[in-house]
Protein backbone atom coordinates (compact mmCIF):
# COMPACT_ATOMS: atom_id res chain seq x y z
CA UNK A 1 -23.77 -2.85 -7.50
CA UNK A 2 -23.54 -5.88 -9.79
CA UNK A 3 -22.15 -9.09 -8.28
CA UNK A 4 -19.22 -9.14 -10.73
CA UNK A 5 -18.32 -5.47 -10.39
CA UNK A 6 -15.28 -4.36 -8.41
CA UNK A 7 -14.89 -0.88 -6.95
CA UNK A 8 -11.38 0.34 -6.12
CA UNK A 9 -11.00 3.18 -3.62
CA UNK A 10 -7.65 4.88 -3.03
CA UNK A 11 -7.05 5.95 0.58
CA UNK A 12 -3.94 7.80 1.69
CA UNK A 13 -1.78 6.71 4.64
CA UNK A 14 -3.07 9.42 6.97
CA UNK A 15 -6.68 8.33 6.45
CA UNK A 16 -5.80 4.67 7.08
CA UNK A 17 -3.88 5.63 10.22
CA UNK A 18 -6.83 7.68 11.48
CA UNK A 19 -9.23 4.79 10.82
CA UNK A 20 -7.00 2.29 12.66
CA UNK A 21 -6.41 4.69 15.56
CA UNK A 22 -10.07 5.64 16.00
CA UNK A 23 -11.16 2.00 15.77
CA UNK A 24 -8.58 1.00 18.37
CA UNK A 25 -9.59 3.85 20.68
CA UNK A 26 -13.26 2.89 20.43
CA UNK A 27 -12.53 -0.77 21.30
CA UNK A 28 -9.36 -0.61 23.39
CA UNK A 29 -10.93 -1.94 26.61
CA UNK A 30 -12.24 -5.02 24.80
CA UNK A 31 -9.10 -5.52 22.72
CA UNK A 32 -6.77 -5.19 25.72
CA UNK A 33 -9.11 -7.13 28.02
CA UNK A 34 -9.34 -4.29 30.56
CA UNK A 35 -11.96 -3.80 33.19
CA UNK A 36 -13.90 -0.54 32.87
CA UNK A 37 -11.16 2.02 33.59
CA UNK A 38 -9.93 5.21 31.99
CA UNK A 39 -7.13 4.45 29.55
CA UNK A 40 -4.50 6.90 28.38
CA UNK A 41 -2.50 5.82 25.36
CA UNK A 42 0.01 7.06 22.83
CA UNK A 43 -0.02 5.63 19.34
CA UNK A 44 2.58 5.86 16.59
CA UNK A 45 2.85 3.97 13.31
CA UNK A 46 6.12 3.38 11.50
CA UNK A 47 5.24 3.21 7.80
């Protein structure tokens, strides 16, 4: 893509929520500074 070209992508709220949730789940031990343990969580987002 050209250096001066901008691409706009529309993503709905559900897709953004899924991306945030899956990213958090994949990195939760590092983000929460936990030793290697099993983590059970519940996630909700108030739009």
